């Protein structure tokens, strides 16, 4: 089952694994985050009541049975290359 408020399943451009795009609560739904499609006990992202992804910096076990947790795909992608930012001139 995919989390609410996600787009269609797509493929990661680095490793070609399946990913879901979830709208983030921090951006009030304007930005999206790639998630591994299957819930996991080690994930630090859960979906709030509005269907937006919420990242916990220190995941607790409080919502363990109530909400599924997901892992951001950039944390598990074997080929992920973070963007390199160039200073402005």
N, C-alpha and C. Protein backbone atom coordinates (compact mmCIF):
# COMPACT_ATOMS: atom_id res chain seq x y z
N UNK A 1 0.84 -1.18 0.00
CA UNK A 1 0.00 0.00 0.00
C UNK A 1 0.89 1.24 0.00
N UNK A 2 0.61 2.15 -0.86
CA UNK A 2 1.41 3.37 -0.92
C UNK A 2 0.83 4.43 0.00
N UNK A 3 1.70 5.33 0.51
CA UNK A 3 1.19 6.39 1.38
C UNK A 3 0.27 7.32 0.63
N UNK A 4 -0.59 7.98 1.38
CA UNK A 4 -1.51 8.95 0.77
C UNK A 4 -0.73 10.13 0.22
N UNK A 5 -1.31 10.83 -0.71
CA UNK A 5 -0.75 12.07 -1.26
C UNK A 5 0.57 11.85 -1.98
N UNK A 6 0.73 10.70 -2.59
CA UNK A 6 1.94 10.45 -3.38
C UNK A 6 1.56 10.41 -4.85
N UNK A 7 2.52 10.66 -5.66
CA UNK A 7 2.31 10.56 -7.09
C UNK A 7 2.47 9.12 -7.53
N UNK A 8 2.46 8.89 -8.81
CA UNK A 8 2.64 7.53 -9.31
C UNK A 8 4.04 7.02 -9.00
N UNK A 9 4.16 5.72 -8.99
CA UNK A 9 5.47 5.10 -8.78
C UNK A 9 6.34 5.43 -9.99
N UNK A 10 7.56 5.83 -9.71
CA UNK A 10 8.50 6.09 -10.81
C UNK A 10 9.81 5.36 -10.51
N UNK A 11 10.81 5.63 -11.28
CA UNK A 11 12.11 4.96 -11.12
C UNK A 11 13.17 5.99 -10.75
N UNK A 12 14.08 5.61 -9.85
CA UNK A 12 15.20 6.46 -9.46
C UNK A 12 16.14 6.62 -10.65
N UNK A 13 16.59 7.84 -10.88
CA UNK A 13 17.48 8.07 -12.03
C UNK A 13 18.89 7.55 -11.80
N UNK A 14 19.25 7.26 -10.54
CA UNK A 14 20.59 6.77 -10.23
C UNK A 14 20.66 5.24 -10.21
N UNK A 15 19.65 4.58 -9.62
CA UNK A 15 19.72 3.12 -9.47
C UNK A 15 18.56 2.39 -10.15
N UNK A 16 17.58 3.12 -10.64
CA UNK A 16 16.43 2.58 -11.38
C UNK A 16 15.49 1.74 -10.52
N UNK A 17 15.60 1.85 -9.19
CA UNK A 17 14.64 1.17 -8.31
C UNK A 17 13.35 1.97 -8.27
N UNK A 18 12.26 1.30 -7.88
CA UNK A 18 10.97 1.97 -7.77
C UNK A 18 11.00 2.97 -6.61
N UNK A 19 10.39 4.13 -6.79
CA UNK A 19 10.27 5.12 -5.73
C UNK A 19 8.88 5.76 -5.79
N UNK A 20 8.45 6.29 -4.65
CA UNK A 20 7.23 7.08 -4.55
C UNK A 20 7.63 8.51 -4.25
N UNK A 21 6.87 9.46 -4.75
CA UNK A 21 7.11 10.87 -4.45
C UNK A 21 6.03 11.33 -3.50
N UNK A 22 6.41 11.71 -2.28
CA UNK A 22 5.45 12.18 -1.28
C UNK A 22 5.60 13.68 -1.06
N UNK A 23 4.50 14.38 -0.98
CA UNK A 23 4.52 15.81 -0.68
C UNK A 23 4.91 15.98 0.79
N UNK A 24 5.79 16.95 1.08
CA UNK A 24 6.30 17.13 2.43
C UNK A 24 5.49 18.13 3.23
N UNK A 25 5.34 17.85 4.53
CA UNK A 25 4.63 18.75 5.43
C UNK A 25 5.43 20.02 5.66
N UNK A 26 6.76 19.92 5.67
CA UNK A 26 7.62 21.08 5.93
C UNK A 26 7.43 22.16 4.87
N UNK A 27 7.07 21.78 3.68
CA UNK A 27 6.87 22.76 2.61
C UNK A 27 5.39 23.03 2.36
N UNK A 28 4.55 22.55 3.28
CA UNK A 28 3.10 22.67 3.13
C UNK A 28 2.63 22.03 1.83
N UNK A 29 3.27 20.92 1.47
CA UNK A 29 2.86 20.16 0.30
C UNK A 29 3.40 20.66 -1.02
N UNK A 30 4.30 21.65 -1.01
CA UNK A 30 4.82 22.21 -2.26
C UNK A 30 6.02 21.45 -2.79
N UNK A 31 6.77 20.79 -1.91
CA UNK A 31 7.95 20.03 -2.33
C UNK A 31 7.65 18.54 -2.15
N UNK A 32 8.39 17.74 -2.91
CA UNK A 32 8.21 16.30 -2.81
C UNK A 32 9.52 15.63 -2.41
N UNK A 33 9.39 14.46 -1.78
CA UNK A 33 10.53 13.69 -1.33
C UNK A 33 10.41 12.27 -1.89
N UNK A 34 11.53 11.71 -2.41
CA UNK A 34 11.46 10.33 -2.89
C UNK A 34 11.50 9.37 -1.70
N UNK A 35 10.60 8.40 -1.71
CA UNK A 35 10.54 7.39 -0.65
C UNK A 35 10.67 6.01 -1.25
N UNK A 36 11.29 5.10 -0.48
CA UNK A 36 11.21 3.69 -0.85
C UNK A 36 9.75 3.29 -0.73
N UNK A 37 9.21 2.51 -1.66
CA UNK A 37 7.77 2.27 -1.70
C UNK A 37 7.23 1.37 -0.59
N UNK A 38 8.08 0.60 0.05
CA UNK A 38 7.60 -0.33 1.07
C UNK A 38 7.87 0.21 2.47
N UNK A 39 6.89 0.15 3.36
CA UNK A 39 7.10 0.59 4.74
C UNK A 39 8.18 -0.25 5.42
N UNK A 40 8.88 0.37 6.39
CA UNK A 40 9.93 -0.32 7.13
C UNK A 40 9.97 0.18 8.56
N UNK A 41 10.33 -0.69 9.48
CA UNK A 41 10.44 -0.31 10.90
C UNK A 41 11.57 0.67 11.15
N UNK A 42 12.55 0.72 10.26
CA UNK A 42 13.70 1.61 10.45
C UNK A 42 13.52 2.96 9.78
N UNK A 43 12.39 3.19 9.14
CA UNK A 43 12.15 4.46 8.45
C UNK A 43 11.96 5.62 9.42
N UNK A 44 12.24 6.83 8.95
CA UNK A 44 12.06 8.02 9.78
C UNK A 44 11.08 9.01 9.16
N UNK A 45 10.26 8.53 8.23
CA UNK A 45 9.25 9.37 7.58
C UNK A 45 7.89 8.70 7.79
N UNK A 46 6.91 9.49 8.23
CA UNK A 46 5.55 8.98 8.30
C UNK A 46 4.62 10.00 7.66
N UNK A 47 3.42 9.57 7.35
CA UNK A 47 2.44 10.44 6.72
C UNK A 47 1.53 11.01 7.80
N UNK A 48 1.36 12.34 7.82
CA UNK A 48 0.48 12.98 8.81
C UNK A 48 -0.98 12.84 8.39
N UNK A 49 -1.87 13.43 9.17
CA UNK A 49 -3.31 13.32 8.89
C UNK A 49 -3.71 13.99 7.58
N UNK A 50 -2.88 14.90 7.08
CA UNK A 50 -3.15 15.57 5.81
C UNK A 50 -2.53 14.82 4.62
N UNK A 51 -1.88 13.67 4.90
CA UNK A 51 -1.28 12.88 3.84
C UNK A 51 0.06 13.41 3.38
N UNK A 52 0.73 14.21 4.22
CA UNK A 52 2.03 14.78 3.87
C UNK A 52 3.13 14.06 4.65
N UNK A 53 4.29 13.95 4.02
CA UNK A 53 5.43 13.28 4.64
C UNK A 53 6.03 14.15 5.74
N UNK A 54 6.25 13.54 6.90
CA UNK A 54 6.87 14.21 8.04
C UNK A 54 8.14 13.44 8.38
N UNK A 55 9.27 14.15 8.45
CA UNK A 55 10.55 13.53 8.77
C UNK A 55 10.82 13.72 10.25
N UNK A 56 11.13 12.64 10.93
CA UNK A 56 11.51 12.71 12.34
C UNK A 56 13.02 12.56 12.44
N UNK A 57 13.67 13.49 13.12
CA UNK A 57 15.12 13.41 13.24
C UNK A 57 15.52 12.30 14.20
N UNK A 58 14.69 12.02 15.18
CA UNK A 58 14.92 10.92 16.12
C UNK A 58 13.63 10.11 16.20
N UNK A 59 13.47 9.14 15.30
CA UNK A 59 12.21 8.41 15.26
C UNK A 59 11.89 7.75 16.60
N UNK A 60 10.65 7.88 17.00
CA UNK A 60 10.19 7.26 18.24
C UNK A 60 9.36 6.04 17.88
N UNK A 61 9.08 5.24 18.87
CA UNK A 61 8.27 4.06 18.64
C UNK A 61 6.80 4.34 18.95
N UNK A 62 6.47 5.58 19.30
CA UNK A 62 5.12 5.92 19.72
C UNK A 62 4.07 5.60 18.66
N UNK A 63 4.36 5.87 17.40
CA UNK A 63 3.37 5.64 16.36
C UNK A 63 3.59 4.33 15.63
N UNK A 64 4.43 3.47 16.19
CA UNK A 64 4.81 2.24 15.51
C UNK A 64 3.67 1.42 14.95
N UNK A 65 2.62 1.18 15.76
CA UNK A 65 1.52 0.37 15.28
C UNK A 65 0.47 1.17 14.55
N UNK A 66 0.48 2.47 14.71
CA UNK A 66 -0.57 3.30 14.14
C UNK A 66 -0.24 3.80 12.74
N UNK A 67 0.99 4.14 12.49
CA UNK A 67 1.38 4.70 11.20
C UNK A 67 2.55 3.92 10.61
N UNK A 68 2.51 3.76 9.32
CA UNK A 68 3.63 3.11 8.65
C UNK A 68 4.76 4.11 8.49
N UNK A 69 5.96 3.63 8.61
CA UNK A 69 7.14 4.46 8.40
C UNK A 69 7.79 4.11 7.08
N UNK A 70 8.37 5.12 6.46
CA UNK A 70 9.03 4.95 5.17
C UNK A 70 10.44 5.50 5.25
N UNK A 71 11.30 5.01 4.38
CA UNK A 71 12.69 5.46 4.34
C UNK A 71 12.85 6.37 3.11
N UNK A 72 13.47 7.55 3.31
CA UNK A 72 13.77 8.38 2.14
C UNK A 72 14.69 7.60 1.20
N UNK A 73 14.40 7.65 -0.08
CA UNK A 73 15.18 6.83 -1.01
C UNK A 73 16.63 7.28 -1.10
N UNK A 74 16.91 8.57 -0.93
CA UNK A 74 18.31 8.98 -1.03
C UNK A 74 19.16 8.41 0.10
N UNK A 75 18.52 7.87 1.15
CA UNK A 75 19.26 7.23 2.24
C UNK A 75 19.61 5.78 1.91
N UNK A 76 18.89 5.18 0.97
CA UNK A 76 19.13 3.77 0.64
C UNK A 76 19.66 3.55 -0.78
N UNK A 77 19.65 4.58 -1.60
CA UNK A 77 20.08 4.44 -2.99
C UNK A 77 21.58 4.14 -3.05
N UNK A 78 21.96 3.03 -3.67
CA UNK A 78 23.38 2.69 -3.73
C UNK A 78 24.20 3.59 -4.66
N UNK A 79 23.53 4.31 -5.55
CA UNK A 79 24.24 5.13 -6.53
C UNK A 79 23.98 6.62 -6.38
N UNK A 80 23.37 7.03 -5.27
CA UNK A 80 22.99 8.44 -5.10
C UNK A 80 24.22 9.34 -5.08
N UNK A 81 24.13 10.42 -5.81
CA UNK A 81 25.19 11.42 -5.84
C UNK A 81 24.58 12.75 -5.41
N UNK A 82 24.92 13.24 -4.20
CA UNK A 82 24.35 14.51 -3.76
C UNK A 82 24.75 15.64 -4.70
N UNK A 83 23.88 16.63 -4.82
CA UNK A 83 24.21 17.76 -5.69
C UNK A 83 25.42 18.53 -5.18
N UNK A 84 26.20 19.02 -6.10
CA UNK A 84 27.37 19.84 -5.75
C UNK A 84 27.00 21.28 -6.02
N UNK A 85 27.03 22.07 -4.98
CA UNK A 85 26.68 23.49 -5.12
C UNK A 85 27.93 24.32 -5.33
N UNK A 86 27.86 25.18 -6.31
CA UNK A 86 28.98 26.06 -6.63
C UNK A 86 28.71 27.42 -5.97
N UNK A 87 29.71 28.01 -5.33
CA UNK A 87 29.51 29.35 -4.75
C UNK A 87 29.21 30.37 -5.83
N UNK A 88 28.41 31.35 -5.47
CA UNK A 88 28.10 32.42 -6.43
C UNK A 88 29.31 33.29 -6.63
N UNK A 89 29.44 33.79 -7.84
CA UNK A 89 30.57 34.68 -8.14
C UNK A 89 30.09 36.09 -8.24
